Amino acid sequence: MARGLAACAAMGLLAMPPVAARAHPHAPHHAAHAHPAAQADVPAGPPLPDGQVFLPPPPGPDTAQRAADASIFAATRALEGTPRWKLAQADNRDTPAHMVSAFSCAAGFTLPPEQLPELVGLVARIEKRLTPAVNAEKALWNRPRPFTEAELPTCIPLRADLKRDPSYPSLHATLGWVTGLILSDILPDRTAAIMQRARVFGESRVVCGVQWQTDVAAGWLNGGVLYSAMEQDDGFRQEMDAARAEVTALHATMAAPPAAECAIEADAAAHPPQ
């Protein structure tokens, strides 16, 4: 099921060879931030599709999309202190363990990370695999974060490294979408709810005020294409089989997650920031 969701975005792209980083015609002319990714820890695997090829550039300064991004950023500041704001604060924790547990309502049963070492380990390795690729995309376009243009509330304290980190595309949204695709493959009967939660996970970045709506949309596209590429790897498929067996064995023993938490997520899904 997840293969079909991702393949529509990836058709014709997997065969493209990686290309060297280059100046993009829509990239800002100031120097890009250098990301200190730990390349030595990146798991091995086939080359990933080049985001410089398949991702569109971020909106230019005088475009309708750029104006819409600014309008959404301003409007979502009114959510400060609401349950949606608090969900965005929780979704800021993008550790593999939190990303797994965040899909409990969508899965229909509690996903305790401590009882899912294969699944959490898979998400952790994917994060290490994808982070350098997404950081290279960020460095190419070097788009400033929303809070650098207006001093408005954000749902988290603004660390110095976040202020320096370019905004486009969203790494959070990329990883959240990939996690959703993994769980959709494992629990195909829950695909709609799982991918809805993946959408909400990305939208939390907009609600939080740390990324633009178009950064998040690019992260969703990124996740679909990169997941399709990783599916071609035998090692990845073996890890998926182990995670699937683990989740299947746990399913019958776990209760439903708290109804109040699921209601907040459902309301967030029904009221997207755009």
Protein backbone atom coordinates (compact mmCIF):
# COMPACT_ATOMS: atom_id res chain seq x y z
CA MET A 1 0.00 0.00 0.00
CA ALA A 2 2.71 2.48 1.00
CA ARG A 3 4.66 1.53 -2.10
CA GLY A 4 1.78 2.78 -4.22
CA LEU A 5 1.49 6.00 -2.20
CA ALA A 6 5.15 6.77 -2.69
CA ALA A 7 5.56 5.54 -6.25
CA CYS A 8 3.27 8.13 -7.79
CA ALA A 9 5.73 10.82 -6.70
CA ALA A 10 8.79 8.82 -7.65
CA MET A 11 7.92 7.50 -11.13
CA GLY A 12 10.83 7.95 -13.45
CA LEU A 13 13.08 9.47 -10.77
CA LEU A 14 14.77 6.43 -9.29
CA ALA A 15 16.91 5.85 -12.36
CA MET A 16 18.35 9.35 -12.25
CA PRO A 17 22.02 9.35 -11.22
CA PRO A 18 23.14 11.68 -8.43
CA VAL A 19 24.46 15.03 -9.63
CA ALA A 20 27.01 17.27 -8.03
CA ALA A 21 25.79 20.20 -5.94
CA ARG A 22 25.43 23.32 -8.03
CA ALA A 23 24.06 26.83 -7.82
CA HIS A 24 20.32 26.85 -8.40
CA PRO A 25 18.80 29.73 -10.38
CA HIS A 26 16.32 30.40 -7.56
CA ALA A 27 18.79 30.03 -4.70
CA PRO A 28 19.68 33.12 -2.63
CA HIS A 29 23.04 34.65 -3.46
CA HIS A 30 24.31 34.67 0.14
CA ALA A 31 26.36 31.77 1.44
CA ALA A 32 24.49 28.67 2.48
CA HIS A 33 24.71 27.37 6.01
CA ALA A 34 27.01 24.37 6.32
CA HIS A 35 25.32 21.45 8.07
CA PRO A 36 27.60 19.46 10.41
CA ALA A 37 26.03 16.07 9.62
CA ALA A 38 27.99 13.09 10.91
CA GLN A 39 28.67 11.48 7.55
CA ALA A 40 30.69 8.65 9.09
CA ASP A 41 27.58 7.29 10.83
CA VAL A 42 25.37 7.25 7.72
CA PRO A 43 24.17 3.69 6.95
CA ALA A 44 25.20 2.30 3.60
CA GLY A 45 22.72 1.92 0.77
CA PRO A 46 22.09 2.68 -2.89
CA PRO A 47 22.36 6.33 -3.99
CA LEU A 48 19.27 8.35 -3.17
CA PRO A 49 17.44 10.38 -5.84
CA ASP A 50 18.74 13.93 -6.09
CA GLY A 51 16.38 16.44 -4.51
CA GLN A 52 17.97 19.19 -6.58
CA VAL A 53 16.28 17.52 -9.57
CA PHE A 54 12.82 16.52 -8.36
CA LEU A 55 12.00 19.19 -5.76
CA PRO A 56 10.70 22.56 -6.96
CA PRO A 57 12.52 25.61 -5.62
CA PRO A 58 10.92 27.46 -2.71
CA PRO A 59 8.60 30.33 -3.67
CA GLY A 60 10.23 33.51 -4.86
CA PRO A 61 9.75 36.78 -2.94
CA ASP A 62 6.99 38.20 -5.15
CA THR A 63 4.91 35.08 -5.75
CA ALA A 64 1.41 34.13 -4.62
CA GLN A 65 2.83 31.09 -2.83
CA ARG A 66 5.21 33.26 -0.83
CA ALA A 67 2.34 35.55 0.15
CA ALA A 68 0.26 32.55 1.18
CA ASP A 69 3.14 31.22 3.30
CA ALA A 70 3.37 34.56 5.13
CA SER A 71 -0.40 34.70 5.66
CA ILE A 72 -0.49 31.17 7.11
CA PHE A 73 2.43 31.93 9.43
CA ALA A 74 0.71 35.05 10.76
CA ALA A 75 -2.70 33.40 11.15
CA THR A 76 -1.41 30.36 13.02
CA ARG A 77 0.13 32.54 15.76
CA ALA A 78 -3.43 32.77 17.13
CA LEU A 79 -3.16 29.07 18.09
CA GLU A 80 -0.71 29.82 20.90
CA GLY A 81 -1.73 27.97 24.06
CA THR A 82 -4.38 25.81 22.39
CA PRO A 83 -4.38 21.99 22.27
CA ARG A 84 -3.15 22.24 18.67
CA TRP A 85 -0.21 24.34 19.83
CA LYS A 86 0.64 21.76 22.49
CA LEU A 87 0.46 18.98 19.89
CA ALA A 88 2.94 20.96 17.77
CA GLN A 89 5.23 21.20 20.80
CA ALA A 90 5.04 17.43 21.26
CA ASP A 91 5.66 16.79 17.57
CA ASN A 92 8.82 18.87 17.75
CA ARG A 93 10.41 15.85 19.46
CA ASP A 94 11.51 14.07 16.30
CA THR A 95 13.46 11.27 17.99
CA PRO A 96 12.75 7.85 16.46
CA ALA A 97 11.04 6.73 19.68
CA HIS A 98 8.66 9.69 19.71
CA MET A 99 7.94 9.41 16.00
CA VAL A 100 6.85 5.80 16.50
CA SER A 101 4.68 6.51 19.55
CA ALA A 102 3.12 9.55 17.83
CA PHE A 103 1.32 7.19 15.42
CA SER A 104 -0.49 5.23 18.17
CA CYS A 105 -3.90 6.80 17.56
CA ALA A 106 -3.50 6.32 13.82
CA ALA A 107 -2.51 2.68 14.30
CA GLY A 108 -5.47 2.07 16.58
CA PHE A 109 -3.36 0.69 19.42
CA THR A 110 -0.54 1.95 21.62
CA LEU A 111 2.94 1.78 20.07
CA PRO A 112 5.36 1.74 23.03
CA PRO A 113 8.85 2.35 21.63
CA GLU A 114 10.55 0.30 24.33
CA GLN A 115 8.68 -2.77 23.07
CA LEU A 116 9.44 -2.09 19.41
CA PRO A 117 13.24 -2.13 19.09
CA GLU A 118 13.20 -3.32 15.47
CA LEU A 119 10.82 -0.56 14.35
CA VAL A 120 12.53 2.17 16.35
CA GLY A 121 15.92 0.98 15.11
CA LEU A 122 14.69 1.08 11.52
CA VAL A 123 13.40 4.64 11.91
CA ALA A 124 16.70 5.65 13.55
CA ARG A 125 18.76 4.24 10.68
CA ILE A 126 16.53 5.91 8.13
CA GLU A 127 16.96 9.24 9.91
CA LYS A 128 20.75 8.87 9.70
CA ARG A 129 20.45 7.90 6.04
CA LEU A 130 18.19 10.77 5.00
CA THR A 131 19.44 13.64 7.14
CA PRO A 132 22.59 14.37 5.08
CA ALA A 133 20.54 14.27 1.85
CA VAL A 134 17.96 16.72 3.22
CA ASN A 135 20.67 18.95 4.68
CA ALA A 136 22.26 19.17 1.23
CA GLU A 137 18.90 20.28 -0.18
CA LYS A 138 18.56 22.86 2.59
CA ALA A 139 22.03 24.23 1.92
CA LEU A 140 21.25 24.54 -1.79
CA TRP A 141 18.25 26.85 -1.35
CA ASN A 142 19.20 28.35 2.03
CA ARG A 143 15.69 29.61 2.76
CA PRO A 144 15.35 31.62 6.00
CA ARG A 145 12.95 30.43 8.69
CA PRO A 146 9.65 32.30 9.21
CA PHE A 147 10.65 33.69 12.60
CA THR A 148 13.63 35.50 11.06
CA GLU A 149 11.23 37.83 9.25
CA ALA A 150 8.83 38.68 12.10
CA GLU A 151 9.17 38.48 15.87
CA LEU A 152 6.04 36.45 16.53
CA PRO A 153 5.50 33.55 18.97
CA THR A 154 6.88 30.09 18.22
CA CYS A 155 5.89 26.93 20.07
CA ILE A 156 9.49 26.11 21.07
CA PRO A 157 12.49 28.14 22.25
CA LEU A 158 14.62 29.21 19.31
CA ARG A 159 18.02 27.57 19.71
CA ALA A 160 20.97 29.09 17.90
CA ASP A 161 21.37 26.05 15.64
CA LEU A 162 17.72 26.28 14.56
CA LYS A 163 18.12 29.94 13.71
CA ARG A 164 21.05 29.06 11.45
CA ASP A 165 19.38 26.03 9.86
CA PRO A 166 17.70 26.69 6.49
CA SER A 167 13.97 26.00 6.27
CA TYR A 168 13.39 24.30 2.89
CA PRO A 169 12.59 21.43 2.63
CA SER A 170 11.39 20.31 6.06
CA LEU A 171 13.40 17.44 7.53
CA HIS A 172 10.67 16.89 10.15
CA ALA A 173 8.03 16.51 7.46
CA THR A 174 10.28 14.24 5.40
CA LEU A 175 10.93 11.88 8.32
CA GLY A 176 7.31 11.97 9.48
CA TRP A 177 6.08 11.06 6.00
CA VAL A 178 8.57 8.20 5.72
CA THR A 179 7.54 6.89 9.14
CA GLY A 180 3.93 6.99 7.98
CA LEU A 181 4.80 5.03 4.85
CA ILE A 182 6.62 2.41 6.92
CA LEU A 183 3.64 1.95 9.22
CA SER A 184 1.24 1.91 6.27
CA ASP A 185 3.19 -0.99 4.81
CA ILE A 186 3.04 -2.78 8.16
CA LEU A 187 -0.64 -1.95 8.88
CA PRO A 188 -2.23 -1.50 5.42
CA ASP A 189 -5.78 -1.44 6.81
CA ARG A 190 -4.84 1.73 8.75
CA THR A 191 -3.19 3.55 5.84
CA ALA A 192 -5.66 6.46 5.66
CA ALA A 193 -5.41 7.25 9.37
CA ILE A 194 -1.64 6.77 9.42
CA MET A 195 -0.97 9.09 6.49
CA GLN A 196 -3.39 11.62 7.98
CA ARG A 197 -1.21 11.61 11.11
CA ALA A 198 1.91 11.97 8.94
CA ARG A 199 0.30 15.07 7.42
CA VAL A 200 -0.53 16.49 10.85
CA PHE A 201 3.03 15.78 12.04
CA GLY A 202 4.37 17.96 9.22
CA GLU A 203 1.73 20.65 9.74
CA SER A 204 2.87 20.91 13.35
CA ARG A 205 5.97 22.68 12.03
CA VAL A 206 3.76 25.36 10.50
CA VAL A 207 1.66 25.69 13.66
CA CYS A 208 4.88 25.92 15.67
CA GLY A 209 6.06 28.79 13.49
CA VAL A 210 9.43 27.28 12.62
CA GLN A 211 8.77 26.41 8.96
CA TRP A 212 6.69 27.66 6.07
CA GLN A 213 3.79 25.66 4.64
CA THR A 214 5.67 25.12 1.37
CA ASP A 215 8.68 23.75 3.32
CA VAL A 216 6.40 21.08 4.75
CA ALA A 217 4.76 20.26 1.41
CA ALA A 218 8.24 19.77 -0.05
CA GLY A 219 9.05 17.46 2.87
CA TRP A 220 6.07 15.26 2.00
CA LEU A 221 7.22 14.98 -1.61
CA ASN A 222 10.74 14.33 -0.39
CA GLY A 223 9.59 11.54 1.89
CA GLY A 224 7.62 9.79 -0.84
CA VAL A 225 10.45 9.83 -3.34
CA LEU A 226 13.17 8.83 -0.88
CA TYR A 227 11.06 6.02 0.57
CA SER A 228 10.48 4.61 -2.92
CA ALA A 229 14.23 4.57 -3.45
CA MET A 230 14.95 2.83 -0.15
CA GLU A 231 12.35 0.15 -0.92
CA GLN A 232 14.59 -1.12 -3.71
CA ASP A 233 17.27 -2.14 -1.19
CA ASP A 234 17.29 -5.76 0.01
CA GLY A 235 18.61 -4.76 3.44
CA PHE A 236 15.77 -2.29 3.92
CA ARG A 237 13.18 -4.91 3.00
CA GLN A 238 14.67 -7.34 5.51
CA GLU A 239 14.48 -4.71 8.24
CA MET A 240 10.87 -4.01 7.25
CA ASP A 241 10.04 -7.70 7.60
CA ALA A 242 11.51 -7.75 11.13
CA ALA A 243 9.61 -4.59 12.11
CA ARG A 244 6.38 -5.99 10.64
CA ALA A 245 6.68 -9.21 12.64
CA GLU A 246 7.36 -7.22 15.80
CA VAL A 247 4.35 -4.91 15.38
CA THR A 248 2.07 -7.80 14.42
CA ALA A 249 3.04 -9.76 17.53
CA LEU A 250 2.48 -6.74 19.77
CA HIS A 251 -0.85 -5.68 18.26
CA ALA A 252 -3.05 -8.19 20.08
CA THR A 253 -1.60 -7.30 23.48
CA MET A 254 -1.95 -3.50 23.37
CA ALA A 255 -4.88 -1.32 24.40
CA ALA A 256 -6.17 1.68 22.48
CA PRO A 257 -4.37 4.97 23.19
CA PRO A 258 -6.10 7.63 25.35
CA ALA A 259 -9.26 8.89 23.64
CA ALA A 260 -8.54 12.50 24.60
CA GLU A 261 -5.20 12.46 22.78
CA CYS A 262 -6.77 10.94 19.69
CA ALA A 263 -9.51 13.59 19.72
CA ILE A 264 -6.88 16.36 19.65
CA GLU A 265 -5.15 14.72 16.69
CA ALA A 266 -8.48 14.28 14.87
CA ASP A 267 -9.32 17.95 15.40
CA ALA A 268 -5.88 18.96 14.12
CA ALA A 269 -6.42 16.87 10.99
CA ALA A 270 -9.81 18.49 10.42
CA HIS A 271 -8.36 22.02 10.68
CA PRO A 272 -5.11 22.18 8.66
CA PRO A 273 -3.19 25.46 8.84
CA GLN A 274 -3.55 26.21 5.15
